[in-house]
Amino acid sequence: MDQHIKKIYVPMTETGFYILLCLREPNHGYGIVQMVKEMTEGAIILTPGTMYGSLSKMEKDQLITFIREENKRKIYQITPLGEEVLAIEAKRIERLYRNMKERF
């Protein structure tokens, strides 16, 4: 993995984490917003500016790819690089959780 990508995405923001998680299956921006809202029980609501800015940056950095347009909605999916970044972040979160549980 390119050091530039690692520096930008590790550790990852919650927004970035949830976008990549949702794009393990093809999805569009509004679908991601709905999935994140449901997964977090409304604790995280992605605004259009945040969502589309993140999608654009992640596409440029090749963490996600545009796969098709459906009803004027762009459908994206995670790339192998995005999966790698997501896996690194998942391990980091697991370590944080394990360390917290061991101390409390």
Protein backbone atom coordinates (compact mmCIF):
# COMPACT_ATOMS: atom_id res chain seq x y z
CA MET A 1 0.00 0.00 0.00
CA ASP A 2 1.20 3.45 -0.94
CA GLN A 3 2.39 5.47 2.10
CA HIS A 4 0.32 8.43 0.93
CA ILE A 5 -2.86 6.34 1.17
CA LYS A 6 -1.87 4.93 4.55
CA LYS A 7 -1.11 8.41 5.89
CA ILE A 8 -4.50 9.77 4.74
CA TYR A 9 -6.74 6.84 5.66
CA VAL A 10 -5.17 5.20 8.72
CA PRO A 11 -6.62 5.89 11.22
CA MET A 12 -9.86 6.35 9.35
CA THR A 13 -12.72 8.72 10.04
CA GLU A 14 -16.08 7.19 10.91
CA THR A 15 -17.42 8.56 7.63
CA GLY A 16 -14.70 6.86 5.62
CA PHE A 17 -15.08 3.62 7.54
CA TYR A 18 -18.83 3.43 7.00
CA ILE A 19 -18.61 4.37 3.32
CA LEU A 20 -16.11 1.58 2.64
CA LEU A 21 -18.11 -0.86 4.74
CA CYS A 22 -21.29 -0.04 2.80
CA LEU A 23 -19.53 -0.34 -0.55
CA ARG A 24 -18.60 -3.97 -0.06
CA GLU A 25 -21.73 -4.34 -2.18
CA PRO A 26 -22.50 -1.92 -5.06
CA ASN A 27 -24.39 1.12 -3.79
CA HIS A 28 -25.07 4.80 -4.45
CA GLY A 29 -24.70 7.82 -2.18
CA TYR A 30 -28.26 7.92 -0.90
CA GLY A 31 -28.19 4.17 -0.24
CA ILE A 32 -25.02 4.61 1.81
CA VAL A 33 -26.63 7.43 3.82
CA GLN A 34 -29.59 5.17 4.61
CA MET A 35 -27.41 2.17 5.53
CA VAL A 36 -25.21 4.23 7.85
CA LYS A 37 -28.23 5.78 9.54
CA GLU A 38 -29.68 2.29 10.11
CA MET A 39 -26.39 0.68 11.24
CA THR A 40 -25.69 3.45 13.75
CA GLU A 41 -29.30 3.76 14.91
CA GLY A 42 -29.32 7.37 13.76
CA ALA A 43 -26.12 8.34 15.60
CA ILE A 44 -24.38 9.16 12.31
CA ILE A 45 -26.24 10.91 9.52
CA LEU A 46 -24.09 11.70 6.51
CA THR A 47 -24.87 14.98 4.79
CA PRO A 48 -24.75 15.20 0.98
CA GLY A 49 -21.67 17.44 1.04
CA THR A 50 -19.75 15.07 3.27
CA MET A 51 -20.92 12.00 1.37
CA TYR A 52 -20.18 13.20 -2.14
CA GLY A 53 -16.90 14.84 -1.15
CA SER A 54 -15.76 11.58 0.44
CA LEU A 55 -16.90 9.49 -2.54
CA SER A 56 -15.02 11.78 -4.92
CA LYS A 57 -11.82 11.66 -2.85
CA MET A 58 -12.01 7.89 -2.35
CA GLU A 59 -12.57 7.35 -6.06
CA LYS A 60 -9.58 9.57 -6.89
CA ASP A 61 -7.47 7.60 -4.38
CA GLN A 62 -8.75 4.33 -5.91
CA LEU A 63 -10.36 2.98 -2.73
CA ILE A 64 -13.69 2.79 -4.56
CA THR A 65 -14.64 2.62 -8.21
CA PHE A 66 -17.61 3.83 -10.23
CA ILE A 67 -19.27 0.79 -11.78
CA ARG A 68 -22.44 2.09 -13.47
CA GLU A 69 -25.24 4.63 -13.43
CA GLU A 70 -28.76 3.59 -12.46
CA ASN A 71 -31.71 6.01 -12.55
CA LYS A 72 -29.28 8.96 -12.58
CA ARG A 73 -27.48 7.58 -9.50
CA LYS A 74 -23.82 6.66 -9.61
CA ILE A 75 -23.17 3.18 -8.27
CA TYR A 76 -19.80 2.57 -6.59
CA GLN A 77 -18.02 -0.45 -5.13
CA ILE A 78 -14.97 -0.92 -2.95
CA THR A 79 -11.70 -1.86 -4.69
CA PRO A 80 -9.05 -4.32 -3.45
CA LEU A 81 -7.09 -1.32 -2.11
CA GLY A 82 -10.20 -0.14 -0.27
CA GLU A 83 -10.66 -3.62 1.19
CA GLU A 84 -7.05 -3.53 2.39
CA VAL A 85 -7.52 -0.15 4.06
CA LEU A 86 -10.79 -1.31 5.64
CA ALA A 87 -9.11 -4.46 6.99
CA ILE A 88 -6.28 -2.42 8.54
CA GLU A 89 -8.83 -0.14 10.20
CA ALA A 90 -10.88 -3.10 11.45
CA LYS A 91 -7.77 -4.60 13.09
CA ARG A 92 -6.98 -1.21 14.67
CA ILE A 93 -10.51 -0.96 16.08
CA GLU A 94 -10.38 -4.54 17.37
CA ARG A 95 -7.08 -3.78 19.12
CA LEU A 96 -8.55 -0.65 20.72
CA TYR A 97 -11.58 -2.58 21.91
CA ARG A 98 -9.47 -5.48 23.25
CA ASN A 99 -7.16 -3.10 25.12
CA MET A 100 -10.10 -1.25 26.61
CA LYS A 101 -11.73 -4.48 27.77
CA GLU A 102 -8.46 -5.67 29.36
CA ARG A 103 -8.13 -2.44 31.36
CA PHE A 104 -11.74 -2.06 32.55
